[in-house]
Amino acid sequence: MESQRAHRIGEQIHQEVSSLLVKGLKDPRIGFVTITYVEVTSDLHLARIYYTVMGDTESRKNTVKGLKSSIPFIRKELGRRIRTRYIPELLFQYDTSLEYGNRIENLIREISSTADDSSNSEED
């Protein structure tokens, strides 16, 4: 179970990293990135930052490289902005939940359109 402090630190990291991605990072490899969730371990030593990227797989690969190379800069900036003894190690993970949700939605639409087509043909 995530502690209240870890949750609060995660929210702060979420806000600050989102702000840095918009204003602070000048790496051209980083595309349009959205931070979806930050999960901090209860001992505050690791923060998993879940993100999504607009674009194709090539832009996703470039963004991964850009994010990994910017981790030291982001940690330094977090140290300036968040008042805590220890800034957690950062781990960026691509969030597949949006793609999964879109796939499920498309399957449901496909099933419902198939069901509508079959009910229309039975009425004829």
PDB file of N, CA and C in Angstrom:
ATOM      1  N   MET A   1       0.841  -1.190   0.000  1.00  0.00           N
ATOM      2  CA  MET A   1       0.000   0.000   0.000  1.00  0.00           C
ATOM      3  C   MET A   1       0.880   1.244   0.000  1.00  0.00           C
ATOM      4  N   GLU A   2       0.513   2.198  -0.807  1.00  0.00           N
ATOM      5  CA  GLU A   2       1.277   3.421  -0.945  1.00  0.00           C
ATOM      6  C   GLU A   2       0.994   4.339   0.238  1.00  0.00           C
ATOM      7  N   SER A   3       2.062   4.847   0.851  1.00  0.00           N
ATOM      8  CA  SER A   3       1.879   5.730   1.997  1.00  0.00           C
ATOM      9  C   SER A   3       1.411   7.105   1.537  1.00  0.00           C
ATOM     10  N   GLN A   4       0.854   7.857   2.461  1.00  0.00           N
ATOM     11  CA  GLN A   4       0.342   9.191   2.150  1.00  0.00           C
ATOM     12  C   GLN A   4       1.484  10.111   1.702  1.00  0.00           C
ATOM     13  N   ARG A   5       2.628   9.991   2.345  1.00  0.00           N
ATOM     14  CA  ARG A   5       3.776  10.835   1.992  1.00  0.00           C
ATOM     15  C   ARG A   5       4.277  10.496   0.590  1.00  0.00           C
ATOM     16  N   ALA A   6       4.366   9.213   0.277  1.00  0.00           N
ATOM     17  CA  ALA A   6       4.807   8.804  -1.056  1.00  0.00           C
ATOM     18  C   ALA A   6       3.838   9.322  -2.115  1.00  0.00           C
ATOM     19  N   HIS A   7       2.560   9.277  -1.820  1.00  0.00           N
ATOM     20  CA  HIS A   7       1.559   9.782  -2.754  1.00  0.00           C
ATOM     21  C   HIS A   7       1.729  11.285  -2.967  1.00  0.00           C
ATOM     22  N   ARG A   8       1.940  12.010  -1.886  1.00  0.00           N
ATOM     23  CA  ARG A   8       2.118  13.458  -1.972  1.00  0.00           C
ATOM     24  C   ARG A   8       3.378  13.824  -2.761  1.00  0.00           C
ATOM     25  N   ILE A   9       4.475  13.114  -2.505  1.00  0.00           N
ATOM     26  CA  ILE A   9       5.717  13.339  -3.248  1.00  0.00           C
ATOM     27  C   ILE A   9       5.503  12.999  -4.726  1.00  0.00           C
ATOM     28  N   GLY A  10       4.769  11.933  -5.004  1.00  0.00           N
ATOM     29  CA  GLY A  10       4.459  11.555  -6.379  1.00  0.00           C
ATOM     30  C   GLY A  10       3.685  12.639  -7.108  1.00  0.00           C
ATOM     31  N   GLU A  11       2.733  13.247  -6.433  1.00  0.00           N
ATOM     32  CA  GLU A  11       1.971  14.337  -7.035  1.00  0.00           C
ATOM     33  C   GLU A  11       2.867  15.534  -7.334  1.00  0.00           C
ATOM     34  N   GLN A  12       3.771  15.853  -6.414  1.00  0.00           N
ATOM     35  CA  GLN A  12       4.698  16.962  -6.643  1.00  0.00           C
ATOM     36  C   GLN A  12       5.621  16.670  -7.817  1.00  0.00           C
ATOM     37  N   ILE A  13       6.136  15.448  -7.877  1.00  0.00           N
ATOM     38  CA  ILE A  13       7.005  15.063  -8.985  1.00  0.00           C
ATOM     39  C   ILE A  13       6.227  15.141 -10.296  1.00  0.00           C
ATOM     40  N   HIS A  14       4.979  14.694 -10.282  1.00  0.00           N
ATOM     41  CA  HIS A  14       4.135  14.750 -11.477  1.00  0.00           C
ATOM     42  C   HIS A  14       4.011  16.186 -11.985  1.00  0.00           C
ATOM     43  N   GLN A  15       3.700  17.104 -11.095  1.00  0.00           N
ATOM     44  CA  GLN A  15       3.536  18.505 -11.486  1.00  0.00           C
ATOM     45  C   GLN A  15       4.838  19.103 -11.998  1.00  0.00           C
ATOM     46  N   GLU A  16       5.927  18.851 -11.280  1.00  0.00           N
ATOM     47  CA  GLU A  16       7.203  19.458 -11.647  1.00  0.00           C
ATOM     48  C   GLU A  16       7.766  18.880 -12.944  1.00  0.00           C
ATOM     49  N   VAL A  17       7.680  17.576 -13.131  1.00  0.00           N
ATOM     50  CA  VAL A  17       8.193  16.974 -14.360  1.00  0.00           C
ATOM     51  C   VAL A  17       7.342  17.427 -15.547  1.00  0.00           C
ATOM     52  N   SER A  18       6.039  17.514 -15.381  1.00  0.00           N
ATOM     53  CA  SER A  18       5.172  18.019 -16.453  1.00  0.00           C
ATOM     54  C   SER A  18       5.568  19.445 -16.821  1.00  0.00           C
ATOM     55  N   SER A  19       5.812  20.251 -15.820  1.00  0.00           N
ATOM     56  CA  SER A  19       6.239  21.626 -16.060  1.00  0.00           C
ATOM     57  C   SER A  19       7.584  21.677 -16.770  1.00  0.00           C
ATOM     58  N   LEU A  20       8.514  20.840 -16.345  1.00  0.00           N
ATOM     59  CA  LEU A  20       9.832  20.800 -16.991  1.00  0.00           C
ATOM     60  C   LEU A  20       9.732  20.366 -18.449  1.00  0.00           C
ATOM     61  N   LEU A  21       8.871  19.416 -18.735  1.00  0.00           N
ATOM     62  CA  LEU A  21       8.728  18.950 -20.113  1.00  0.00           C
ATOM     63  C   LEU A  21       8.174  20.046 -21.018  1.00  0.00           C
ATOM     64  N   VAL A  22       7.340  20.900 -20.462  1.00  0.00           N
ATOM     65  CA  VAL A  22       6.761  21.978 -21.260  1.00  0.00           C
ATOM     66  C   VAL A  22       7.744  23.138 -21.400  1.00  0.00           C
ATOM     67  N   LYS A  23       8.404  23.511 -20.298  1.00  0.00           N
ATOM     68  CA  LYS A  23       9.201  24.736 -20.295  1.00  0.00           C
ATOM     69  C   LYS A  23      10.706  24.537 -20.216  1.00  0.00           C
ATOM     70  N   GLY A  24      11.160  23.471 -19.560  1.00  0.00           N
ATOM     71  CA  GLY A  24      12.566  23.389 -19.215  1.00  0.00           C
ATOM     72  C   GLY A  24      13.466  22.585 -20.127  1.00  0.00           C
ATOM     73  N   LEU A  25      12.959  21.528 -20.715  1.00  0.00           N
ATOM     74  CA  LEU A  25      13.810  20.653 -21.526  1.00  0.00           C
ATOM     75  C   LEU A  25      13.854  21.135 -22.964  1.00  0.00           C
ATOM     76  N   LYS A  26      15.061  21.219 -23.482  1.00  0.00           N
ATOM     77  CA  LYS A  26      15.236  21.691 -24.854  1.00  0.00           C
ATOM     78  C   LYS A  26      15.678  20.573 -25.792  1.00  0.00           C
ATOM     79  N   ASP A  27      15.548  19.337 -25.377  1.00  0.00           N
ATOM     80  CA  ASP A  27      15.976  18.196 -26.185  1.00  0.00           C
ATOM     81  C   ASP A  27      15.001  18.006 -27.348  1.00  0.00           C
ATOM     82  N   PRO A  28      15.483  18.104 -28.586  1.00  0.00           N
ATOM     83  CA  PRO A  28      14.571  17.972 -29.724  1.00  0.00           C
ATOM     84  C   PRO A  28      14.031  16.556 -29.917  1.00  0.00           C
ATOM     85  N   ARG A  29      14.653  15.571 -29.270  1.00  0.00           N
ATOM     86  CA  ARG A  29      14.169  14.192 -29.410  1.00  0.00           C
ATOM     87  C   ARG A  29      12.871  13.968 -28.665  1.00  0.00           C
ATOM     88  N   ILE A  30      12.629  14.769 -27.648  1.00  0.00           N
ATOM     89  CA  ILE A  30      11.435  14.587 -26.819  1.00  0.00           C
ATOM     90  C   ILE A  30      10.251  15.231 -27.532  1.00  0.00           C
ATOM     91  N   GLY A  31       9.289  14.395 -27.877  1.00  0.00           N
ATOM     92  CA  GLY A  31       8.107  14.860 -28.588  1.00  0.00           C
ATOM     93  C   GLY A  31       7.047  15.365 -27.632  1.00  0.00           C
ATOM     94  N   PHE A  32       5.807  15.243 -28.052  1.00  0.00           N
ATOM     95  CA  PHE A  32       4.681  15.677 -27.234  1.00  0.00           C
ATOM     96  C   PHE A  32       4.407  14.601 -26.189  1.00  0.00           C
ATOM     97  N   VAL A  33       4.911  14.814 -24.984  1.00  0.00           N
ATOM     98  CA  VAL A  33       4.838  13.835 -23.902  1.00  0.00           C
ATOM     99  C   VAL A  33       3.802  14.279 -22.883  1.00  0.00           C
ATOM    100  N   THR A  34       3.013  13.335 -22.404  1.00  0.00           N
ATOM    101  CA  THR A  34       2.072  13.580 -21.324  1.00  0.00           C
ATOM    102  C   THR A  34       2.395  12.632 -20.182  1.00  0.00           C
ATOM    103  N   ILE A  35       2.597  13.191 -18.997  1.00  0.00           N
ATOM    104  CA  ILE A  35       2.823  12.376 -17.809  1.00  0.00           C
ATOM    105  C   ILE A  35       1.453  11.942 -17.302  1.00  0.00           C
ATOM    106  N   THR A  36       1.233  10.637 -17.233  1.00  0.00           N
ATOM    107  CA  THR A  36      -0.077  10.138 -16.825  1.00  0.00           C
ATOM    108  C   THR A  36      -0.152   9.828 -15.333  1.00  0.00           C
ATOM    109  N   TYR A  37       0.950   9.351 -14.764  1.00  0.00           N
ATOM    110  CA  TYR A  37       0.923   8.952 -13.357  1.00  0.00           C
ATOM    111  C   TYR A  37       2.349   8.830 -12.853  1.00  0.00           C
ATOM    112  N   VAL A  38       2.544   9.117 -11.575  1.00  0.00           N
ATOM    113  CA  VAL A  38       3.837   8.908 -10.929  1.00  0.00           C
ATOM    114  C   VAL A  38       3.610   8.031  -9.713  1.00  0.00           C
ATOM    115  N   GLU A  39       4.357   6.941  -9.659  1.00  0.00           N
ATOM    116  CA  GLU A  39       4.260   6.000  -8.547  1.00  0.00           C
ATOM    117  C   GLU A  39       5.590   6.027  -7.788  1.00  0.00           C
ATOM    118  N   VAL A  40       5.524   6.361  -6.513  1.00  0.00           N
ATOM    119  CA  VAL A  40       6.720   6.448  -5.683  1.00  0.00           C
ATOM    120  C   VAL A  40       6.680   5.313  -4.667  1.00  0.00           C
ATOM    121  N   THR A  41       7.808   4.623  -4.508  1.00  0.00           N
ATOM    122  CA  THR A  41       7.864   3.545  -3.523  1.00  0.00           C
ATOM    123  C   THR A  41       7.743   4.125  -2.121  1.00  0.00           C
ATOM    124  N   SER A  42       7.340   3.310  -1.170  1.00  0.00           N
ATOM    125  CA  SER A  42       7.109   3.800   0.188  1.00  0.00           C
ATOM    126  C   SER A  42       8.385   4.282   0.868  1.00  0.00           C
ATOM    127  N   ASP A  43       9.551   3.759   0.447  1.00  0.00           N
ATOM    128  CA  ASP A  43      10.801   4.244   1.022  1.00  0.00           C
ATOM    129  C   ASP A  43      11.335   5.483   0.296  1.00  0.00           C
ATOM    130  N   LEU A  44      10.603   5.971  -0.712  1.00  0.00           N
ATOM    131  CA  LEU A  44      10.910   7.189  -1.465  1.00  0.00           C
ATOM    132  C   LEU A  44      12.225   7.113  -2.240  1.00  0.00           C
ATOM    133  N   HIS A  45      12.668   5.927  -2.588  1.00  0.00           N
ATOM    134  CA  HIS A  45      13.926   5.783  -3.322  1.00  0.00           C
ATOM    135  C   HIS A  45      13.743   5.603  -4.823  1.00  0.00           C
ATOM    136  N   LEU A  46      12.522   5.329  -5.272  1.00  0.00           N
ATOM    137  CA  LEU A  46      12.282   5.133  -6.692  1.00  0.00           C
ATOM    138  C   LEU A  46      10.943   5.754  -7.080  1.00  0.00           C
ATOM    139  N   ALA A  47      10.963   6.507  -8.166  1.00  0.00           N
ATOM    140  CA  ALA A  47       9.736   7.078  -8.711  1.00  0.00           C
ATOM    141  C   ALA A  47       9.586   6.589 -10.142  1.00  0.00           C
ATOM    142  N   ARG A  48       8.503   5.844 -10.391  1.00  0.00           N
ATOM    143  CA  ARG A  48       8.193   5.406 -11.751  1.00  0.00           C
ATOM    144  C   ARG A  48       7.279   6.457 -12.365  1.00  0.00           C
ATOM    145  N   ILE A  49       7.737   7.032 -13.465  1.00  0.00           N
ATOM    146  CA  ILE A  49       6.977   8.077 -14.135  1.00  0.00           C
ATOM    147  C   ILE A  49       6.386   7.479 -15.403  1.00  0.00           C
ATOM    148  N   TYR A  50       5.071   7.348 -15.414  1.00  0.00           N
ATOM    149  CA  TYR A  50       4.378   6.783 -16.560  1.00  0.00           C
ATOM    150  C   TYR A  50       4.004   7.916 -17.513  1.00  0.00           C
ATOM    151  N   TYR A  51       4.253   7.696 -18.799  1.00  0.00           N
ATOM    152  CA  TYR A  51       4.011   8.742 -19.786  1.00  0.00           C
ATOM    153  C   TYR A  51       3.450   8.146 -21.070  1.00  0.00           C
ATOM    154  N   THR A  52       2.863   9.017 -21.873  1.00  0.00           N
ATOM    155  CA  THR A  52       2.434   8.663 -23.213  1.00  0.00           C
ATOM    156  C   THR A  52       3.038   9.663 -24.183  1.00  0.00           C
ATOM    157  N   VAL A  53       3.136   9.260 -25.446  1.00  0.00           N
ATOM    158  CA  VAL A  53       3.717  10.105 -26.483  1.00  0.00           C
ATOM    159  C   VAL A  53       2.780  10.111 -27.680  1.00  0.00           C
ATOM    160  N   MET A  54       2.549  11.285 -28.225  1.00  0.00           N
ATOM    161  CA  MET A  54       1.788  11.390 -29.457  1.00  0.00           C
ATOM    162  C   MET A  54       2.740  11.105 -30.610  1.00  0.00           C
ATOM    163  N   GLY A  55       2.321  10.289 -31.543  1.00  0.00           N
ATOM    164  CA  GLY A  55       3.146  10.020 -32.705  1.00  0.00           C
ATOM    165  C   GLY A  55       3.347   8.537 -32.934  1.00  0.00           C
ATOM    166  N   ASP A  56       4.236   8.244 -33.864  1.00  0.00           N
ATOM    167  CA  ASP A  56       4.493   6.859 -34.255  1.00  0.00           C
ATOM    168  C   ASP A  56       5.578   6.233 -33.380  1.00  0.00           C
ATOM    169  N   THR A  57       5.951   5.013 -33.725  1.00  0.00           N
ATOM    170  CA  THR A  57       6.944   4.299 -32.917  1.00  0.00           C
ATOM    171  C   THR A  57       8.314   4.956 -32.984  1.00  0.00           C
ATOM    172  N   GLU A  58       8.643   5.596 -34.089  1.00  0.00           N
ATOM    173  CA  GLU A  58       9.934   6.277 -34.210  1.00  0.00           C
ATOM    174  C   GLU A  58      10.018   7.459 -33.242  1.00  0.00           C
ATOM    175  N   SER A  59       8.955   8.227 -33.152  1.00  0.00           N
ATOM    176  CA  SER A  59       8.957   9.353 -32.214  1.00  0.00           C
ATOM    177  C   SER A  59       8.975   8.848 -30.778  1.00  0.00           C
ATOM    178  N   ARG A  60       8.343   7.692 -30.524  1.00  0.00           N
ATOM    179  CA  ARG A  60       8.372   7.108 -29.183  1.00  0.00           C
ATOM    180  C   ARG A  60       9.798   6.683 -28.812  1.00  0.00           C
ATOM    181  N   LYS A  61      10.517   6.075 -29.759  1.00  0.00           N
ATOM    182  CA  LYS A  61      11.897   5.661 -29.501  1.00  0.00           C
ATOM    183  C   LYS A  61      12.789   6.866 -29.238  1.00  0.00           C
ATOM    184  N   ASN A  62      12.625   7.921 -30.023  1.00  0.00           N
ATOM    185  CA  ASN A  62      13.414   9.135 -29.812  1.00  0.00           C
ATOM    186  C   ASN A  62      13.101   9.775 -28.465  1.00  0.00           C
ATOM    187  N   THR A  63      11.835   9.757 -28.084  1.00  0.00           N
ATOM    188  CA  THR A  63      11.438  10.330 -26.803  1.00  0.00           C
ATOM    189  C   THR A  63      12.042   9.548 -25.648  1.00  0.00           C
ATOM    190  N   VAL A  64      12.063   8.216 -25.749  1.00  0.00           N
ATOM    191  CA  VAL A  64      12.667   7.386 -24.702  1.00  0.00           C
ATOM    192  C   VAL A  64      14.137   7.757 -24.524  1.00  0.00           C
ATOM    193  N   LYS A  65      14.859   7.884 -25.631  1.00  0.00           N
ATOM    194  CA  LYS A  65      16.270   8.257 -25.554  1.00  0.00           C
ATOM    195  C   LYS A  65      16.437   9.632 -24.927  1.00  0.00           C
ATOM    196  N   GLY A  66      15.603  10.584 -25.325  1.00  0.00           N
ATOM    197  CA  GLY A  66      15.676  11.932 -24.773  1.00  0.00           C
ATOM    198  C   GLY A  66      15.360  11.976 -23.291  1.00  0.00           C
ATOM    199  N   LEU A  67      14.341  11.224 -22.875  1.00  0.00           N
ATOM    200  CA  LEU A  67      13.976  11.206 -21.458  1.00  0.00           C
ATOM    201  C   LEU A  67      15.075  10.570 -20.614  1.00  0.00           C
ATOM    202  N   LYS A  68      15.642   9.471 -21.098  1.00  0.00           N
ATOM    203  CA  LYS A  68      16.713   8.812 -20.339  1.00  0.00           C
ATOM    204  C   LYS A  68      17.927   9.716 -20.184  1.00  0.00           C
ATOM    205  N   SER A  69      18.262  10.444 -21.231  1.00  0.00           N
ATOM    206  CA  SER A  69      19.435  11.314 -21.138  1.00  0.00           C
ATOM    207  C   SER A  69      19.169  12.546 -20.270  1.00  0.00           C
ATOM    208  N   SER A  70      17.911  12.902 -20.070  1.00  0.00           N
ATOM    209  CA  SER A  70      17.592  14.085 -19.280  1.00  0.00           C
ATOM    210  C   SER A  70      17.330  13.783 -17.804  1.00  0.00           C
ATOM    211  N   ILE A  71      17.415  12.531 -17.395  1.00  0.00           N
ATOM    212  CA  ILE A  71      17.145  12.175 -15.994  1.00  0.00           C
ATOM    213  C   ILE A  71      18.029  12.944 -15.012  1.00  0.00           C
ATOM    214  N   PRO A  72      19.345  13.055 -15.224  1.00  0.00           N
ATOM    215  CA  PRO A  72      20.145  13.837 -14.256  1.00  0.00           C
ATOM    216  C   PRO A  72      19.691  15.293 -14.134  1.00  0.00           C
ATOM    217  N   PHE A  73      19.365  15.920 -15.251  1.00  0.00           N
ATOM    218  CA  PHE A  73      18.877  17.299 -15.217  1.00  0.00           C
ATOM    219  C   PHE A  73      17.552  17.389 -14.468  1.00  0.00           C
ATOM    220  N   ILE A  74      16.646  16.463 -14.736  1.00  0.00           N
ATOM    221  CA  ILE A  74      15.338  16.484 -14.080  1.00  0.00           C
ATOM    222  C   ILE A  74      15.495  16.287 -12.578  1.00  0.00           C
ATOM    223  N   ARG A  75      16.358  15.352 -12.167  1.00  0.00           N
ATOM    224  CA  ARG A  75      16.580  15.140 -10.725  1.00  0.00           C
ATOM    225  C   ARG A  75      17.150  16.384 -10.062  1.00  0.00           C
ATOM    226  N   LYS A  76      18.075  17.051 -10.751  1.00  0.00           N
ATOM    227  CA  LYS A  76      18.662  18.272 -10.192  1.00  0.00           C
ATOM    228  C   LYS A  76      17.586  19.347 -10.026  1.00  0.00           C
ATOM    229  N   GLU A  77      16.736  19.498 -11.023  1.00  0.00           N
ATOM    230  CA  GLU A  77      15.666  20.485 -10.940  1.00  0.00           C
ATOM    231  C   GLU A  77      14.643  20.116  -9.863  1.00  0.00           C
ATOM    232  N   LEU A  78      14.347  18.826  -9.735  1.00  0.00           N
ATOM    233  CA  LEU A  78      13.432  18.394  -8.672  1.00  0.00           C
ATOM    234  C   LEU A  78      14.026  18.712  -7.305  1.00  0.00           C
ATOM    235  N   GLY A  79      15.340  18.550  -7.170  1.00  0.00           N
ATOM    236  CA  GLY A  79      16.011  18.881  -5.912  1.00  0.00           C
ATOM    237  C   GLY A  79      15.871  20.344  -5.557  1.00  0.00           C
ATOM    238  N   ARG A  80      15.844  21.200  -6.552  1.00  0.00           N
ATOM    239  CA  ARG A  80      15.657  22.633  -6.310  1.00  0.00           C
ATOM    240  C   ARG A  80      14.208  22.970  -5.972  1.00  0.00           C
ATOM    241  N   ARG A  81      13.286  22.251  -6.584  1.00  0.00           N
ATOM    242  CA  ARG A  81      11.873  22.618  -6.466  1.00  0.00           C
ATOM    243  C   ARG A  81      11.133  21.909  -5.344  1.00  0.00           C
ATOM    244  N   ILE A  82      11.543  20.685  -5.019  1.00  0.00           N
ATOM    245  CA  ILE A  82      10.861  19.911  -3.978  1.00  0.00           C
ATOM    246  C   ILE A  82      11.769  19.846  -2.766  1.00  0.00           C
ATOM    247  N   ARG A  83      11.250  20.257  -1.649  1.00  0.00           N
ATOM    248  CA  ARG A  83      12.039  20.259  -0.419  1.00  0.00           C
ATOM    249  C   ARG A  83      11.913  18.915   0.296  1.00  0.00           C
ATOM    250  N   THR A  84      12.846  18.053   0.013  1.00  0.00           N
ATOM    251  CA  THR A  84      12.916  16.767   0.686  1.00  0.00           C
ATOM    252  C   THR A  84      14.382  16.372   0.782  1.00  0.00           C
ATOM    253  N   ARG A  85      14.710  15.516   1.729  1.00  0.00           N
ATOM    254  CA  ARG A  85      16.103  15.111   1.921  1.00  0.00           C
ATOM    255  C   ARG A  85      16.674  14.360   0.736  1.00  0.00           C
ATOM    256  N   TYR A  86      15.842  13.544   0.137  1.00  0.00           N
ATOM    257  CA  TYR A  86      16.314  12.656  -0.911  1.00  0.00           C
ATOM    258  C   TYR A  86      15.370  12.740  -2.104  1.00  0.00           C
ATOM    259  N   ILE A  87      15.935  12.940  -3.269  1.00  0.00           N
ATOM    260  CA  ILE A  87      15.143  12.905  -4.500  1.00  0.00           C
ATOM    261  C   ILE A  87      15.227  11.476  -5.041  1.00  0.00           C
ATOM    262  N   PRO A  88      14.086  10.850  -5.281  1.00  0.00           N
ATOM    263  CA  PRO A  88      14.099   9.453  -5.735  1.00  0.00           C
ATOM    264  C   PRO A  88      14.779   9.283  -7.096  1.00  0.00           C
ATOM    265  N   GLU A  89      15.271   8.080  -7.325  1.00  0.00           N
ATOM    266  CA  GLU A  89      15.749   7.718  -8.659  1.00  0.00           C
ATOM    267  C   GLU A  89      14.532   7.742  -9.576  1.00  0.00           C
ATOM    268  N   LEU A  90      14.723   8.192 -10.800  1.00  0.00           N
ATOM    269  CA  LEU A  90      13.613   8.309 -11.734  1.00  0.00           C
ATOM    270  C   LEU A  90      13.677   7.197 -12.768  1.00  0.00           C
ATOM    271  N   LEU A  91      12.539   6.624 -13.029  1.00  0.00           N
ATOM    272  CA  LEU A  91      12.422   5.583 -14.043  1.00  0.00           C
ATOM    273  C   LEU A  91      11.212   5.927 -14.908  1.00  0.00           C
ATOM    274  N   PHE A  92      11.465   6.205 -16.179  1.00  0.00           N
ATOM    275  CA  PHE A  92      10.375   6.512 -17.101  1.00  0.00           C
ATOM    276  C   PHE A  92       9.871   5.220 -17.722  1.00  0.00           C
ATOM    277  N   GLN A  93       8.548   5.020 -17.664  1.00  0.00           N
ATOM    278  CA  GLN A  93       7.919   3.844 -18.255  1.00  0.00           C
ATOM    279  C   GLN A  93       6.772   4.292 -19.148  1.00  0.00           C
ATOM    280  N   TYR A  94       6.759   3.727 -20.356  1.00  0.00           N
ATOM    281  CA  TYR A  94       5.678   4.054 -21.284  1.00  0.00           C
ATOM    282  C   TYR A  94       4.371   3.469 -20.758  1.00  0.00           C
ATOM    283  N   ASP A  95       3.330   4.290 -20.746  1.00  0.00           N
ATOM    284  CA  ASP A  95       2.019   3.882 -20.238  1.00  0.00           C
ATOM    285  C   ASP A  95       1.194   3.299 -21.382  1.00  0.00           C
ATOM    286  N   THR A  96       0.964   2.008 -21.314  1.00  0.00           N
ATOM    287  CA  THR A  96       0.209   1.330 -22.367  1.00  0.00           C
ATOM    288  C   THR A  96      -1.290   1.296 -22.088  1.00  0.00           C
ATOM    289  N   SER A  97      -1.734   1.851 -20.975  1.00  0.00           N
ATOM    290  CA  SER A  97      -3.147   1.754 -20.610  1.00  0.00           C
ATOM    291  C   SER A  97      -4.051   2.492 -21.599  1.00  0.00           C
ATOM    292  N   LEU A  98      -3.585   3.611 -22.157  1.00  0.00           N
ATOM    293  CA  LEU A  98      -4.416   4.332 -23.132  1.00  0.00           C
ATOM    294  C   LEU A  98      -4.582   3.533 -24.414  1.00  0.00           C
ATOM    295  N   GLU A  99      -3.499   2.944 -24.894  1.00  0.00           N
ATOM    296  CA  GLU A  99      -3.585   2.105 -26.089  1.00  0.00           C
ATOM    297  C   GLU A  99      -4.482   0.903 -25.838  1.00  0.00           C
ATOM    298  N   TYR A 100      -4.351   0.310 -24.657  1.00  0.00           N
ATOM    299  CA  TYR A 100      -5.168  -0.834 -24.298  1.00  0.00           C
ATOM    300  C   TYR A 100      -6.647  -0.436 -24.261  1.00  0.00           C
ATOM    301  N   GLY A 101      -6.944   0.710 -23.666  1.00  0.00           N
ATOM    302  CA  GLY A 101      -8.318   1.193 -23.598  1.00  0.00           C
ATOM    303  C   GLY A 101      -8.896   1.463 -24.980  1.00  0.00           C
ATOM    304  N   ASN A 102      -8.081   2.069 -25.843  1.00  0.00           N
ATOM    305  CA  ASN A 102      -8.541   2.332 -27.219  1.00  0.00           C
ATOM    306  C   ASN A 102      -8.798   1.027 -27.968  1.00  0.00           C
ATOM    307  N   ARG A 103      -7.952   0.039 -27.763  1.00  0.00           N
ATOM    308  CA  ARG A 103      -8.136  -1.254 -28.431  1.00  0.00           C
ATOM    309  C   ARG A 103      -9.430  -1.923 -27.973  1.00  0.00           C
ATOM    310  N   ILE A 104      -9.685  -1.897 -26.665  1.00  0.00           N
ATOM    311  CA  ILE A 104     -10.919  -2.480 -26.120  1.00  0.00           C
ATOM    312  C   ILE A 104     -12.131  -1.742 -26.677  1.00  0.00           C
ATOM    313  N   GLU A 105     -12.060  -0.423 -26.727  1.00  0.00           N
ATOM    314  CA  GLU A 105     -13.167   0.368 -27.256  1.00  0.00           C
ATOM    315  C   GLU A 105     -13.442   0.026 -28.721  1.00  0.00           C
ATOM    316  N   ASN A 106     -12.386  -0.118 -29.511  1.00  0.00           N
ATOM    317  CA  ASN A 106     -12.562  -0.482 -30.920  1.00  0.00           C
ATOM    318  C   ASN A 106     -13.169  -1.870 -31.069  1.00  0.00           C
ATOM    319  N   LEU A 107     -12.750  -2.812 -30.225  1.00  0.00           N
ATOM    320  CA  LEU A 107     -13.327  -4.156 -30.274  1.00  0.00           C
ATOM    321  C   LEU A 107     -14.806  -4.132 -29.924  1.00  0.00           C
ATOM    322  N   ILE A 108     -15.168  -3.343 -28.933  1.00  0.00           N
ATOM    323  CA  ILE A 108     -16.581  -3.245 -28.538  1.00  0.00           C
ATOM    324  C   ILE A 108     -17.398  -2.637 -29.672  1.00  0.00           C
ATOM    325  N   ARG A 109     -16.861  -1.600 -30.302  1.00  0.00           N
ATOM    326  CA  ARG A 109     -17.570  -0.995 -31.437  1.00  0.00           C
ATOM    327  C   ARG A 109     -17.741  -2.004 -32.574  1.00  0.00           C
ATOM    328  N   GLU A 110     -16.695  -2.763 -32.837  1.00  0.00           N
ATOM    329  CA  GLU A 110     -16.742  -3.763 -33.903  1.00  0.00           C
ATOM    330  C   GLU A 110     -17.797  -4.821 -33.598  1.00  0.00           C
ATOM    331  N   ILE A 111     -17.839  -5.276 -32.361  1.00  0.00           N
ATOM    332  CA  ILE A 111     -18.823  -6.284 -31.964  1.00  0.00           C
ATOM    333  C   ILE A 111     -20.234  -5.727 -32.064  1.00  0.00           C
ATOM    334  N   SER A 112     -20.425  -4.488 -31.601  1.00  0.00           N
ATOM    335  CA  SER A 112     -21.775  -3.910 -31.644  1.00  0.00           C
ATOM    336  C   SER A 112     -22.217  -3.644 -33.078  1.00  0.00           C
ATOM    337  N   SER A 113     -21.286  -3.242 -33.961  1.00  0.00           N
ATOM    338  CA  SER A 113     -21.679  -3.025 -35.358  1.00  0.00           C
ATOM    339  C   SER A 113     -21.991  -4.356 -36.039  1.00  0.00           C
ATOM    340  N   THR A 114     -21.276  -5.417 -35.689  1.00  0.00           N
ATOM    341  CA  THR A 114     -21.569  -6.750 -36.223  1.00  0.00           C
ATOM    342  C   THR A 114     -22.926  -7.231 -35.747  1.00  0.00           C
ATOM    343  N   ALA A 115     -23.225  -6.981 -34.474  1.00  0.00           N
ATOM    344  CA  ALA A 115     -24.517  -7.373 -33.919  1.00  0.00           C
ATOM    345  C   ALA A 115     -25.653  -6.585 -34.589  1.00  0.00           C
ATOM    346  N   ASP A 116     -25.432  -5.298 -34.848  1.00  0.00           N
ATOM    347  CA  ASP A 116     -26.446  -4.481 -35.533  1.00  0.00           C
ATOM    348  C   ASP A 116     -26.658  -4.976 -36.961  1.00  0.00           C
ATOM    349  N   ASP A 117     -25.585  -5.316 -37.661  1.00  0.00           N
ATOM    350  CA  ASP A 117     -25.705  -5.811 -39.021  1.00  0.00           C
ATOM    351  C   ASP A 117     -26.490  -7.125 -39.078  1.00  0.00           C
ATOM    352  N   SER A 118     -26.201  -8.015 -38.131  1.00  0.00           N
ATOM    353  CA  SER A 118     -26.899  -9.304 -38.137  1.00  0.00           C
ATOM    354  C   SER A 118     -28.367  -9.154 -37.762  1.00  0.00           C
ATOM    355  N   SER A 119     -28.694  -8.209 -36.869  1.00  0.00           N
ATOM    356  CA  SER A 119     -30.105  -8.008 -36.507  1.00  0.00           C
ATOM    357  C   SER A 119     -30.846  -7.339 -37.644  1.00  0.00           C
ATOM    358  N   ASN A 120     -30.197  -6.474 -38.415  1.00  0.00           N
ATOM    359  CA  ASN A 120     -30.838  -5.843 -39.571  1.00  0.00           C
ATOM    360  C   ASN A 120     -31.100  -6.869 -40.675  1.00  0.00           C
ATOM    361  N   SER A 121     -30.218  -7.813 -40.869  1.00  0.00           N
ATOM    362  CA  SER A 121     -30.402  -8.814 -41.921  1.00  0.00           C
ATOM    363  C   SER A 121     -31.498  -9.803 -41.526  1.00  0.00           C
ATOM    364  N   GLU A 122     -31.713 -10.039 -40.232  1.00  0.00           N
ATOM    365  CA  GLU A 122     -32.773 -10.940 -39.795  1.00  0.00           C
ATOM    366  C   GLU A 122     -34.151 -10.312 -39.989  1.00  0.00           C
ATOM    367  N   GLU A 123     -34.222  -8.956 -39.923  1.00  0.00           N
ATOM    368  CA  GLU A 123     -35.493  -8.286 -40.080  1.00  0.00           C
ATOM    369  C   GLU A 123     -35.975  -8.303 -41.513  1.00  0.00           C
ATOM    370  N   ASP A 124     -35.044  -8.426 -42.481  1.00  0.00           N
ATOM    371  CA  ASP A 124     -35.405  -8.418 -43.910  1.00  0.00           C
ATOM    372  C   ASP A 124     -36.089  -9.651 -44.312  1.00  0.00           C
TER     373      ASP A 124
END
